Amino acid sequence: QKAIGPSLLHALMLMRLYTDSFHESVALVTSSWSGVTLDEGRRREREM
């Protein structure tokens, strides 16, 4: 239900120092699709 926390944001900012073309090298991956209906998952994906 929640967005990612502050520590993940800090981790990503830290990794930015060690990666070329940072944003293109980040995959935002949604998991646990079996825990929601497809419609609910799509709605949450859109919200994200």
ModelCIF file with pLDDT and N, C-alpha, C, O atoms, coordinates in Angstrom:
data_MODEL
#
_entry.id   MODEL 
#
_entity.id                         1 
_entity.type                       polymer 
_entity.pdbx_number_of_molecules   1 
#
_entity_poly.entity_id                      1 
_entity_poly.type                           'polypeptide(L)' 
_entity_poly.nstd_linkage                   no 
_entity_poly.nstd_monomer                   no 
_entity_poly.pdbx_seq_one_letter_code       QKAIGPSLLHALMLMRLYTDSFHESVALVTSSWSGVTLDEGRRREREM 
_entity_poly.pdbx_seq_one_letter_code_can   QKAIGPSLLHALMLMRLYTDSFHESVALVTSSWSGVTLDEGRRREREM 
_entity_poly.pdbx_strand_id                 A 
#
loop_
_entity_poly_seq.entity_id 
_entity_poly_seq.num 
_entity_poly_seq.mon_id 
_entity_poly_seq.hetero 
1 1  GLN n 
1 2  LYS n 
1 3  ALA n 
1 4  ILE n 
1 5  GLY n 
1 6  PRO n 
1 7  SER n 
1 8  LEU n 
1 9  LEU n 
1 10 HIS n 
1 11 ALA n 
1 12 LEU n 
1 13 MET n 
1 14 LEU n 
1 15 MET n 
1 16 ARG n 
1 17 LEU n 
1 18 TYR n 
1 19 THR n 
1 20 ASP n 
1 21 SER n 
1 22 PHE n 
1 23 HIS n 
1 24 GLU n 
1 25 SER n 
1 26 VAL n 
1 27 ALA n 
1 28 LEU n 
1 29 VAL n 
1 30 THR n 
1 31 SER n 
1 32 SER n 
1 33 TRP n 
1 34 SER n 
1 35 GLY n 
1 36 VAL n 
1 37 THR n 
1 38 LEU n 
1 39 ASP n 
1 40 GLU n 
1 41 GLY n 
1 42 ARG n 
1 43 ARG n 
1 44 ARG n 
1 45 GLU n 
1 46 ARG n 
1 47 GLU n 
1 48 MET n 
#
_struct_asym.id          A 
_struct_asym.entity_id   1 
#
loop_
_ma_qa_metric.id 
_ma_qa_metric.mode 
_ma_qa_metric.name 
_ma_qa_metric.software_group_id 
_ma_qa_metric.type 
1 global pLDDT . pLDDT 
2 local  pLDDT . pLDDT 
#
_ma_qa_metric_global.metric_id      1 
_ma_qa_metric_global.metric_value   80.81 
_ma_qa_metric_global.model_id       1 
_ma_qa_metric_global.ordinal_id     1 
#
loop_
_ma_qa_metric_local.label_asym_id 
_ma_qa_metric_local.label_comp_id 
_ma_qa_metric_local.label_seq_id 
_ma_qa_metric_local.metric_id 
_ma_qa_metric_local.metric_value 
_ma_qa_metric_local.model_id 
_ma_qa_metric_local.ordinal_id 
A GLN 1  2 67.00 1 1  
A LYS 2  2 66.00 1 2  
A ALA 3  2 63.00 1 3  
A ILE 4  2 69.00 1 4  
A GLY 5  2 65.00 1 5  
A PRO 6  2 66.00 1 6  
A SER 7  2 66.00 1 7  
A LEU 8  2 70.00 1 8  
A LEU 9  2 72.00 1 9  
A HIS 10 2 72.00 1 10 
A ALA 11 2 75.00 1 11 
A LEU 12 2 74.00 1 12 
A MET 13 2 75.00 1 13 
A LEU 14 2 71.00 1 14 
A MET 15 2 73.00 1 15 
A ARG 16 2 74.00 1 16 
A LEU 17 2 73.00 1 17 
A TYR 18 2 69.00 1 18 
A THR 19 2 70.00 1 19 
A ASP 20 2 67.00 1 20 
A SER 21 2 76.00 1 21 
A PHE 22 2 80.00 1 22 
A HIS 23 2 81.00 1 23 
A GLU 24 2 86.00 1 24 
A SER 25 2 88.00 1 25 
A VAL 26 2 89.00 1 26 
A ALA 27 2 91.00 1 27 
A LEU 28 2 91.00 1 28 
A VAL 29 2 93.00 1 29 
A THR 30 2 92.00 1 30 
A SER 31 2 93.00 1 31 
A SER 32 2 91.00 1 32 
A TRP 33 2 91.00 1 33 
A SER 34 2 89.00 1 34 
A GLY 35 2 88.00 1 35 
A VAL 36 2 91.00 1 36 
A THR 37 2 92.00 1 37 
A LEU 38 2 92.00 1 38 
A ASP 39 2 94.00 1 39 
A GLU 40 2 93.00 1 40 
A GLY 41 2 91.00 1 41 
A ARG 42 2 92.00 1 42 
A ARG 43 2 90.00 1 43 
A ARG 44 2 88.00 1 44 
A GLU 45 2 87.00 1 45 
A ARG 46 2 86.00 1 46 
A GLU 47 2 84.00 1 47 
A MET 48 2 83.00 1 48 
#
loop_
_atom_site.group_PDB 
_atom_site.id 
_atom_site.type_symbol 
_atom_site.label_atom_id 
_atom_site.label_alt_id 
_atom_site.label_comp_id 
_atom_site.label_asym_id 
_atom_site.label_entity_id 
_atom_site.label_seq_id 
_atom_site.pdbx_PDB_ins_code 
_atom_site.Cartn_x 
_atom_site.Cartn_y 
_atom_site.Cartn_z 
_atom_site.occupancy 
_atom_site.B_iso_or_equiv 
_atom_site.pdbx_formal_charge 
_atom_site.auth_seq_id 
_atom_site.auth_comp_id 
_atom_site.auth_asym_id 
_atom_site.auth_atom_id 
_atom_site.pdbx_PDB_model_num 
ATOM 1   N N  . GLN A 1 1  ? 0.819  -1.211  0.000   1.00 67.00 ? 1  GLN A N  1 
ATOM 2   C CA . GLN A 1 1  ? 0.000  0.000   0.000   1.00 67.00 ? 1  GLN A CA 1 
ATOM 3   C C  . GLN A 1 1  ? 0.855  1.265   0.000   1.00 67.00 ? 1  GLN A C  1 
ATOM 4   O O  . GLN A 1 1  ? 0.449  2.300   -0.527  1.00 67.00 ? 1  GLN A O  1 
ATOM 5   N N  . LYS A 1 2  ? 2.042  1.170   0.595   1.00 66.00 ? 2  LYS A N  1 
ATOM 6   C CA . LYS A 1 2  ? 2.896  2.350   0.743   1.00 66.00 ? 2  LYS A CA 1 
ATOM 7   C C  . LYS A 1 2  ? 3.879  2.470   -0.412  1.00 66.00 ? 2  LYS A C  1 
ATOM 8   O O  . LYS A 1 2  ? 4.216  1.494   -1.082  1.00 66.00 ? 2  LYS A O  1 
ATOM 9   N N  . ALA A 1 3  ? 4.319  3.684   -0.615  1.00 63.00 ? 3  ALA A N  1 
ATOM 10  C CA . ALA A 1 3  ? 5.416  3.919   -1.559  1.00 63.00 ? 3  ALA A CA 1 
ATOM 11  C C  . ALA A 1 3  ? 6.710  3.487   -0.890  1.00 63.00 ? 3  ALA A C  1 
ATOM 12  O O  . ALA A 1 3  ? 6.719  3.133   0.289   1.00 63.00 ? 3  ALA A O  1 
ATOM 13  N N  . ILE A 1 4  ? 7.785  3.517   -1.632  1.00 69.00 ? 4  ILE A N  1 
ATOM 14  C CA . ILE A 1 4  ? 9.066  3.111   -1.049  1.00 69.00 ? 4  ILE A CA 1 
ATOM 15  C C  . ILE A 1 4  ? 9.497  4.094   0.019   1.00 69.00 ? 4  ILE A C  1 
ATOM 16  O O  . ILE A 1 4  ? 9.125  5.267   -0.007  1.00 69.00 ? 4  ILE A O  1 
ATOM 17  N N  . GLY A 1 5  ? 10.288 3.599   0.960   1.00 65.00 ? 5  GLY A N  1 
ATOM 18  C CA . GLY A 1 5  ? 10.707 4.414   2.093   1.00 65.00 ? 5  GLY A CA 1 
ATOM 19  C C  . GLY A 1 5  ? 11.940 5.245   1.809   1.00 65.00 ? 5  GLY A C  1 
ATOM 20  O O  . GLY A 1 5  ? 12.566 5.121   0.756   1.00 65.00 ? 5  GLY A O  1 
ATOM 21  N N  . PRO A 1 6  ? 12.280 6.098   2.769   1.00 66.00 ? 6  PRO A N  1 
ATOM 22  C CA . PRO A 1 6  ? 13.404 7.020   2.590   1.00 66.00 ? 6  PRO A CA 1 
ATOM 23  C C  . PRO A 1 6  ? 14.750 6.320   2.420   1.00 66.00 ? 6  PRO A C  1 
ATOM 24  O O  . PRO A 1 6  ? 15.622 6.827   1.713   1.00 66.00 ? 6  PRO A O  1 
ATOM 25  N N  . SER A 1 7  ? 14.930 5.176   3.049   1.00 66.00 ? 7  SER A N  1 
ATOM 26  C CA . SER A 1 7  ? 16.224 4.495   2.940   1.00 66.00 ? 7  SER A CA 1 
ATOM 27  C C  . SER A 1 7  ? 16.486 4.016   1.521   1.00 66.00 ? 7  SER A C  1 
ATOM 28  O O  . SER A 1 7  ? 17.622 4.063   1.050   1.00 66.00 ? 7  SER A O  1 
ATOM 29  N N  . LEU A 1 8  ? 15.442 3.553   0.836   1.00 70.00 ? 8  LEU A N  1 
ATOM 30  C CA . LEU A 1 8  ? 15.617 3.140   -0.555  1.00 70.00 ? 8  LEU A CA 1 
ATOM 31  C C  . LEU A 1 8  ? 15.982 4.328   -1.428  1.00 70.00 ? 8  LEU A C  1 
ATOM 32  O O  . LEU A 1 8  ? 16.794 4.208   -2.345  1.00 70.00 ? 8  LEU A O  1 
ATOM 33  N N  . LEU A 1 9  ? 15.386 5.465   -1.144  1.00 72.00 ? 9  LEU A N  1 
ATOM 34  C CA . LEU A 1 9  ? 15.744 6.666   -1.909  1.00 72.00 ? 9  LEU A CA 1 
ATOM 35  C C  . LEU A 1 9  ? 17.212 7.014   -1.697  1.00 72.00 ? 9  LEU A C  1 
ATOM 36  O O  . LEU A 1 9  ? 17.917 7.362   -2.644  1.00 72.00 ? 9  LEU A O  1 
ATOM 37  N N  . HIS A 1 10 ? 17.669 6.918   -0.455  1.00 72.00 ? 10 HIS A N  1 
ATOM 38  C CA . HIS A 1 10 ? 19.079 7.194   -0.166  1.00 72.00 ? 10 HIS A CA 1 
ATOM 39  C C  . HIS A 1 10 ? 19.990 6.179   -0.859  1.00 72.00 ? 10 HIS A C  1 
ATOM 40  O O  . HIS A 1 10 ? 21.045 6.544   -1.378  1.00 72.00 ? 10 HIS A O  1 
ATOM 41  N N  . ALA A 1 11 ? 19.588 4.918   -0.868  1.00 75.00 ? 11 ALA A N  1 
ATOM 42  C CA . ALA A 1 11 ? 20.392 3.893   -1.526  1.00 75.00 ? 11 ALA A CA 1 
ATOM 43  C C  . ALA A 1 11 ? 20.523 4.185   -3.014  1.00 75.00 ? 11 ALA A C  1 
ATOM 44  O O  . ALA A 1 11 ? 21.610 4.068   -3.579  1.00 75.00 ? 11 ALA A O  1 
ATOM 45  N N  . LEU A 1 12 ? 19.429 4.561   -3.643  1.00 74.00 ? 12 LEU A N  1 
ATOM 46  C CA . LEU A 1 12 ? 19.488 4.885   -5.069  1.00 74.00 ? 12 LEU A CA 1 
ATOM 47  C C  . LEU A 1 12 ? 20.388 6.092   -5.330  1.00 74.00 ? 12 LEU A C  1 
ATOM 48  O O  . LEU A 1 12 ? 21.154 6.101   -6.294  1.00 74.00 ? 12 LEU A O  1 
ATOM 49  N N  . MET A 1 13 ? 20.297 7.090   -4.486  1.00 75.00 ? 13 MET A N  1 
ATOM 50  C CA . MET A 1 13 ? 21.149 8.264   -4.671  1.00 75.00 ? 13 MET A CA 1 
ATOM 51  C C  . MET A 1 13 ? 22.619 7.898   -4.484  1.00 75.00 ? 13 MET A C  1 
ATOM 52  O O  . MET A 1 13 ? 23.482 8.420   -5.191  1.00 75.00 ? 13 MET A O  1 
ATOM 53  N N  . LEU A 1 14 ? 22.906 7.018   -3.551  1.00 71.00 ? 14 LEU A N  1 
ATOM 54  C CA . LEU A 1 14 ? 24.275 6.543   -3.348  1.00 71.00 ? 14 LEU A CA 1 
ATOM 55  C C  . LEU A 1 14 ? 24.770 5.809   -4.592  1.00 71.00 ? 14 LEU A C  1 
ATOM 56  O O  . LEU A 1 14 ? 25.890 6.041   -5.049  1.00 71.00 ? 14 LEU A O  1 
ATOM 57  N N  . MET A 1 15 ? 23.938 4.926   -5.137  1.00 73.00 ? 15 MET A N  1 
ATOM 58  C CA . MET A 1 15 ? 24.340 4.133   -6.300  1.00 73.00 ? 15 MET A CA 1 
ATOM 59  C C  . MET A 1 15 ? 24.563 4.990   -7.530  1.00 73.00 ? 15 MET A C  1 
ATOM 60  O O  . MET A 1 15 ? 25.310 4.622   -8.436  1.00 73.00 ? 15 MET A O  1 
ATOM 61  N N  . ARG A 1 16 ? 23.917 6.115   -7.549  1.00 74.00 ? 16 ARG A N  1 
ATOM 62  C CA . ARG A 1 16 ? 24.085 7.031   -8.676  1.00 74.00 ? 16 ARG A CA 1 
ATOM 63  C C  . ARG A 1 16 ? 25.552 7.420   -8.859  1.00 74.00 ? 16 ARG A C  1 
ATOM 64  O O  . ARG A 1 16 ? 25.998 7.674   -9.978  1.00 74.00 ? 16 ARG A O  1 
ATOM 65  N N  . LEU A 1 17 ? 26.296 7.464   -7.755  1.00 73.00 ? 17 LEU A N  1 
ATOM 66  C CA . LEU A 1 17 ? 27.717 7.817   -7.805  1.00 73.00 ? 17 LEU A CA 1 
ATOM 67  C C  . LEU A 1 17 ? 28.559 6.743   -8.482  1.00 73.00 ? 17 LEU A C  1 
ATOM 68  O O  . LEU A 1 17 ? 29.659 7.028   -8.955  1.00 73.00 ? 17 LEU A O  1 
ATOM 69  N N  . TYR A 1 18 ? 28.060 5.521   -8.534  1.00 69.00 ? 18 TYR A N  1 
ATOM 70  C CA . TYR A 1 18 ? 28.847 4.389   -9.020  1.00 69.00 ? 18 TYR A CA 1 
ATOM 71  C C  . TYR A 1 18 ? 28.374 3.860   -10.381 1.00 69.00 ? 18 TYR A C  1 
ATOM 72  O O  . TYR A 1 18 ? 28.886 2.843   -10.850 1.00 69.00 ? 18 TYR A O  1 
ATOM 73  N N  . THR A 1 19 ? 27.420 4.522   -11.013 1.00 70.00 ? 19 THR A N  1 
ATOM 74  C CA . THR A 1 19 ? 26.823 4.008   -12.238 1.00 70.00 ? 19 THR A CA 1 
ATOM 75  C C  . THR A 1 19 ? 26.846 5.068   -13.334 1.00 70.00 ? 19 THR A C  1 
ATOM 76  O O  . THR A 1 19 ? 26.495 6.222   -13.092 1.00 70.00 ? 19 THR A O  1 
ATOM 77  N N  . ASP A 1 20 ? 27.255 4.681   -14.524 1.00 67.00 ? 20 ASP A N  1 
ATOM 78  C CA . ASP A 1 20 ? 27.143 5.568   -15.681 1.00 67.00 ? 20 ASP A CA 1 
ATOM 79  C C  . ASP A 1 20 ? 25.700 5.554   -16.159 1.00 67.00 ? 20 ASP A C  1 
ATOM 80  O O  . ASP A 1 20 ? 25.005 4.550   -16.004 1.00 67.00 ? 20 ASP A O  1 
ATOM 81  N N  . SER A 1 21 ? 25.246 6.649   -16.734 1.00 76.00 ? 21 SER A N  1 
ATOM 82  C CA . SER A 1 21 ? 23.870 6.781   -17.242 1.00 76.00 ? 21 SER A CA 1 
ATOM 83  C C  . SER A 1 21 ? 22.879 6.119   -16.284 1.00 76.00 ? 21 SER A C  1 
ATOM 84  O O  . SER A 1 21 ? 22.175 5.170   -16.632 1.00 76.00 ? 21 SER A O  1 
ATOM 85  N N  . PHE A 1 22 ? 22.854 6.651   -15.084 1.00 80.00 ? 22 PHE A N  1 
ATOM 86  C CA . PHE A 1 22 ? 22.157 6.032   -13.962 1.00 80.00 ? 22 PHE A CA 1 
ATOM 87  C C  . PHE A 1 22 ? 20.697 5.702   -14.238 1.00 80.00 ? 22 PHE A C  1 
ATOM 88  O O  . PHE A 1 22 ? 20.302 4.543   -14.110 1.00 80.00 ? 22 PHE A O  1 
ATOM 89  N N  . HIS A 1 23 ? 19.896 6.673   -14.606 1.00 81.00 ? 23 HIS A N  1 
ATOM 90  C CA . HIS A 1 23 ? 18.452 6.444   -14.714 1.00 81.00 ? 23 HIS A CA 1 
ATOM 91  C C  . HIS A 1 23 ? 18.101 5.354   -15.714 1.00 81.00 ? 23 HIS A C  1 
ATOM 92  O O  . HIS A 1 23 ? 17.173 4.578   -15.486 1.00 81.00 ? 23 HIS A O  1 
ATOM 93  N N  . GLU A 1 24 ? 18.832 5.289   -16.816 1.00 86.00 ? 24 GLU A N  1 
ATOM 94  C CA . GLU A 1 24 ? 18.570 4.251   -17.803 1.00 86.00 ? 24 GLU A CA 1 
ATOM 95  C C  . GLU A 1 24 ? 18.981 2.877   -17.293 1.00 86.00 ? 24 GLU A C  1 
ATOM 96  O O  . GLU A 1 24 ? 18.577 1.858   -17.853 1.00 86.00 ? 24 GLU A O  1 
ATOM 97  N N  . SER A 1 25 ? 19.786 2.846   -16.231 1.00 88.00 ? 25 SER A N  1 
ATOM 98  C CA . SER A 1 25 ? 20.285 1.590   -15.670 1.00 88.00 ? 25 SER A CA 1 
ATOM 99  C C  . SER A 1 25 ? 19.487 1.111   -14.471 1.00 88.00 ? 25 SER A C  1 
ATOM 100 O O  . SER A 1 25 ? 19.908 0.192   -13.768 1.00 88.00 ? 25 SER A O  1 
ATOM 101 N N  . VAL A 1 26 ? 18.339 1.726   -14.233 1.00 89.00 ? 26 VAL A N  1 
ATOM 102 C CA . VAL A 1 26 ? 17.491 1.331   -13.107 1.00 89.00 ? 26 VAL A CA 1 
ATOM 103 C C  . VAL A 1 26 ? 16.225 0.679   -13.639 1.00 89.00 ? 26 VAL A C  1 
ATOM 104 O O  . VAL A 1 26 ? 15.514 1.242   -14.472 1.00 89.00 ? 26 VAL A O  1 
ATOM 105 N N  . ALA A 1 27 ? 15.961 -0.530  -13.135 1.00 91.00 ? 27 ALA A N  1 
ATOM 106 C CA . ALA A 1 27 ? 14.713 -1.227  -13.444 1.00 91.00 ? 27 ALA A CA 1 
ATOM 107 C C  . ALA A 1 27 ? 13.836 -1.157  -12.205 1.00 91.00 ? 27 ALA A C  1 
ATOM 108 O O  . ALA A 1 27 ? 14.219 -1.636  -11.138 1.00 91.00 ? 27 ALA A O  1 
ATOM 109 N N  . LEU A 1 28 ? 12.660 -0.560  -12.347 1.00 91.00 ? 28 LEU A N  1 
ATOM 110 C CA . LEU A 1 28 ? 11.680 -0.483  -11.268 1.00 91.00 ? 28 LEU A CA 1 
ATOM 111 C C  . LEU A 1 28 ? 10.767 -1.701  -11.434 1.00 91.00 ? 28 LEU A C  1 
ATOM 112 O O  . LEU A 1 28 ? 9.927  -1.740  -12.334 1.00 91.00 ? 28 LEU A O  1 
ATOM 113 N N  . VAL A 1 29 ? 10.939 -2.681  -10.566 1.00 93.00 ? 29 VAL A N  1 
ATOM 114 C CA . VAL A 1 29 ? 10.308 -3.980  -10.758 1.00 93.00 ? 29 VAL A CA 1 
ATOM 115 C C  . VAL A 1 29 ? 9.191  -4.193  -9.740  1.00 93.00 ? 29 VAL A C  1 
ATOM 116 O O  . VAL A 1 29 ? 9.405  -4.078  -8.533  1.00 93.00 ? 29 VAL A O  1 
ATOM 117 N N  . THR A 1 30 ? 8.006  -4.504  -10.238 1.00 92.00 ? 30 THR A N  1 
ATOM 118 C CA . THR A 1 30 ? 6.907  -4.848  -9.341  1.00 92.00 ? 30 THR A CA 1 
ATOM 119 C C  . THR A 1 30 ? 6.845  -6.368  -9.221  1.00 92.00 ? 30 THR A C  1 
ATOM 120 O O  . THR A 1 30 ? 6.907  -7.093  -10.214 1.00 92.00 ? 30 THR A O  1 
ATOM 121 N N  . SER A 1 31 ? 6.721  -6.828  -7.979  1.00 93.00 ? 31 SER A N  1 
ATOM 122 C CA . SER A 1 31 ? 6.672  -8.265  -7.691  1.00 93.00 ? 31 SER A CA 1 
ATOM 123 C C  . SER A 1 31 ? 5.360  -8.590  -6.982  1.00 93.00 ? 31 SER A C  1 
ATOM 124 O O  . SER A 1 31 ? 4.521  -7.713  -6.772  1.00 93.00 ? 31 SER A O  1 
ATOM 125 N N  . SER A 1 32 ? 5.195  -9.843  -6.622  1.00 91.00 ? 32 SER A N  1 
ATOM 126 C CA . SER A 1 32 ? 4.037  -10.317 -5.836  1.00 91.00 ? 32 SER A CA 1 
ATOM 127 C C  . SER A 1 32 ? 2.704  -10.123 -6.562  1.00 91.00 ? 32 SER A C  1 
ATOM 128 O O  . SER A 1 32 ? 1.694  -9.792  -5.942  1.00 91.00 ? 32 SER A O  1 
ATOM 129 N N  . TRP A 1 33 ? 2.710  -10.330 -7.856  1.00 91.00 ? 33 TRP A N  1 
ATOM 130 C CA . TRP A 1 33 ? 1.479  -10.171 -8.636  1.00 91.00 ? 33 TRP A CA 1 
ATOM 131 C C  . TRP A 1 33 ? 0.430  -11.219 -8.273  1.00 91.00 ? 33 TRP A C  1 
ATOM 132 O O  . TRP A 1 33 ? -0.762 -11.004 -8.494  1.00 91.00 ? 33 TRP A O  1 
ATOM 133 N N  . SER A 1 34 ? 0.862  -12.341 -7.723  1.00 89.00 ? 34 SER A N  1 
ATOM 134 C CA . SER A 1 34 ? -0.119 -13.365 -7.336  1.00 89.00 ? 34 SER A CA 1 
ATOM 135 C C  . SER A 1 34 ? -0.944 -12.923 -6.132  1.00 89.00 ? 34 SER A C  1 
ATOM 136 O O  . SER A 1 34 ? -1.960 -13.547 -5.825  1.00 89.00 ? 34 SER A O  1 
ATOM 137 N N  . GLY A 1 35 ? -0.529 -11.862 -5.446  1.00 88.00 ? 35 GLY A N  1 
ATOM 138 C CA . GLY A 1 35 ? -1.242 -11.378 -4.267  1.00 88.00 ? 35 GLY A CA 1 
ATOM 139 C C  . GLY A 1 35 ? -2.328 -10.360 -4.561  1.00 88.00 ? 35 GLY A C  1 
ATOM 140 O O  . GLY A 1 35 ? -3.004 -9.890  -3.645  1.00 88.00 ? 35 GLY A O  1 
ATOM 141 N N  . VAL A 1 36 ? -2.503 -10.014 -5.831  1.00 91.00 ? 36 VAL A N  1 
ATOM 142 C CA . VAL A 1 36 ? -3.540 -9.044  -6.214  1.00 91.00 ? 36 VAL A CA 1 
ATOM 143 C C  . VAL A 1 36 ? -4.230 -9.533  -7.479  1.00 91.00 ? 36 VAL A C  1 
ATOM 144 O O  . VAL A 1 36 ? -3.688 -10.356 -8.217  1.00 91.00 ? 36 VAL A O  1 
ATOM 145 N N  . THR A 1 37 ? -5.430 -9.016  -7.720  1.00 92.00 ? 37 THR A N  1 
ATOM 146 C CA . THR A 1 37 ? -6.076 -9.303  -8.996  1.00 92.00 ? 37 THR A CA 1 
ATOM 147 C C  . THR A 1 37 ? -5.357 -8.495  -10.065 1.00 92.00 ? 37 THR A C  1 
ATOM 148 O O  . THR A 1 37 ? -4.690 -7.509  -9.755  1.00 92.00 ? 37 THR A O  1 
ATOM 149 N N  . LEU A 1 38 ? -5.487 -8.900  -11.303 1.00 92.00 ? 38 LEU A N  1 
ATOM 150 C CA . LEU A 1 38 ? -4.825 -8.187  -12.397 1.00 92.00 ? 38 LEU A CA 1 
ATOM 151 C C  . LEU A 1 38 ? -5.296 -6.734  -12.457 1.00 92.00 ? 38 LEU A C  1 
ATOM 152 O O  . LEU A 1 38 ? -4.488 -5.828  -12.658 1.00 92.00 ? 38 LEU A O  1 
ATOM 153 N N  . ASP A 1 39 ? -6.608 -6.507  -12.282 1.00 94.00 ? 39 ASP A N  1 
ATOM 154 C CA . ASP A 1 39 ? -7.130 -5.135  -12.311 1.00 94.00 ? 39 ASP A CA 1 
ATOM 155 C C  . ASP A 1 39 ? -6.550 -4.297  -11.176 1.00 94.00 ? 39 ASP A C  1 
ATOM 156 O O  . ASP A 1 39 ? -6.172 -3.145  -11.390 1.00 94.00 ? 39 ASP A O  1 
ATOM 157 N N  . GLU A 1 40 ? -6.476 -4.865  -9.962  1.00 93.00 ? 40 GLU A N  1 
ATOM 158 C CA . GLU A 1 40 ? -5.908 -4.155  -8.820  1.00 93.00 ? 40 GLU A CA 1 
ATOM 159 C C  . GLU A 1 40 ? -4.433 -3.852  -9.071  1.00 93.00 ? 40 GLU A C  1 
ATOM 160 O O  . GLU A 1 40 ? -3.971 -2.745  -8.795  1.00 93.00 ? 40 GLU A O  1 
ATOM 161 N N  . GLY A 1 41 ? -3.699 -4.826  -9.590  1.00 91.00 ? 41 GLY A N  1 
ATOM 162 C CA . GLY A 1 41 ? -2.288 -4.615  -9.890  1.00 91.00 ? 41 GLY A CA 1 
ATOM 163 C C  . GLY A 1 41 ? -2.079 -3.522  -10.919 1.00 91.00 ? 41 GLY A C  1 
ATOM 164 O O  . GLY A 1 41 ? -1.188 -2.686  -10.767 1.00 91.00 ? 41 GLY A O  1 
ATOM 165 N N  . ARG A 1 42 ? -2.883 -3.522  -11.952 1.00 92.00 ? 42 ARG A N  1 
ATOM 166 C CA . ARG A 1 42 ? -2.774 -2.478  -12.976 1.00 92.00 ? 42 ARG A CA 1 
ATOM 167 C C  . ARG A 1 42 ? -3.070 -1.094  -12.396 1.00 92.00 ? 42 ARG A C  1 
ATOM 168 O O  . ARG A 1 42 ? -2.402 -0.115  -12.730 1.00 92.00 ? 42 ARG A O  1 
ATOM 169 N N  . ARG A 1 43 ? -4.084 -1.023  -11.520 1.00 90.00 ? 43 ARG A N  1 
ATOM 170 C CA . ARG A 1 43 ? -4.435 0.249   -10.889 1.00 90.00 ? 43 ARG A CA 1 
ATOM 171 C C  . ARG A 1 43 ? -3.260 0.750   -10.042 1.00 90.00 ? 43 ARG A C  1 
ATOM 172 O O  . ARG A 1 43 ? -2.901 1.926   -10.103 1.00 90.00 ? 43 ARG A O  1 
ATOM 173 N N  . ARG A 1 44 ? -2.668 -0.146  -9.255  1.00 88.00 ? 44 ARG A N  1 
ATOM 174 C CA . ARG A 1 44 ? -1.538 0.254   -8.410  1.00 88.00 ? 44 ARG A CA 1 
ATOM 175 C C  . ARG A 1 44 ? -0.322 0.631   -9.254  1.00 88.00 ? 44 ARG A C  1 
ATOM 176 O O  . ARG A 1 44 ? 0.408  1.565   -8.921  1.00 88.00 ? 44 ARG A O  1 
ATOM 177 N N  . GLU A 1 45 ? -0.116 -0.084  -10.321 1.00 87.00 ? 45 GLU A N  1 
ATOM 178 C CA . GLU A 1 45 ? 0.988  0.225   -11.223 1.00 87.00 ? 45 GLU A CA 1 
ATOM 179 C C  . GLU A 1 45 ? 0.818  1.634   -11.797 1.00 87.00 ? 45 GLU A C  1 
ATOM 180 O O  . GLU A 1 45 ? 1.770  2.412   -11.852 1.00 87.00 ? 45 GLU A O  1 
ATOM 181 N N  . ARG A 1 46 ? -0.403 1.949   -12.219 1.00 86.00 ? 46 ARG A N  1 
ATOM 182 C CA . ARG A 1 46 ? -0.707 3.287   -12.744 1.00 86.00 ? 46 ARG A CA 1 
ATOM 183 C C  . ARG A 1 46 ? -0.449 4.357   -11.679 1.00 86.00 ? 46 ARG A C  1 
ATOM 184 O O  . ARG A 1 46 ? 0.137  5.402   -11.962 1.00 86.00 ? 46 ARG A O  1 
ATOM 185 N N  . GLU A 1 47 ? -0.900 4.077   -10.442 1.00 84.00 ? 47 GLU A N  1 
ATOM 186 C CA . GLU A 1 47 ? -0.684 5.020   -9.342  1.00 84.00 ? 47 GLU A CA 1 
ATOM 187 C C  . GLU A 1 47 ? 0.804  5.241   -9.101  1.00 84.00 ? 47 GLU A C  1 
ATOM 188 O O  . GLU A 1 47 ? 1.243  6.360   -8.837  1.00 84.00 ? 47 GLU A O  1 
ATOM 189 N N  . MET A 1 48 ? 1.575  4.156   -9.195  1.00 83.00 ? 48 MET A N  1 
ATOM 190 C CA . MET A 1 48 ? 3.013  4.272   -8.949  1.00 83.00 ? 48 MET A CA 1 
ATOM 191 C C  . MET A 1 48 ? 3.665  5.229   -9.942  1.00 83.00 ? 48 MET A C  1 
ATOM 192 O O  . MET A 1 48 ? 4.875  5.448   -9.883  1.00 83.00 ? 48 MET A O  1 
#
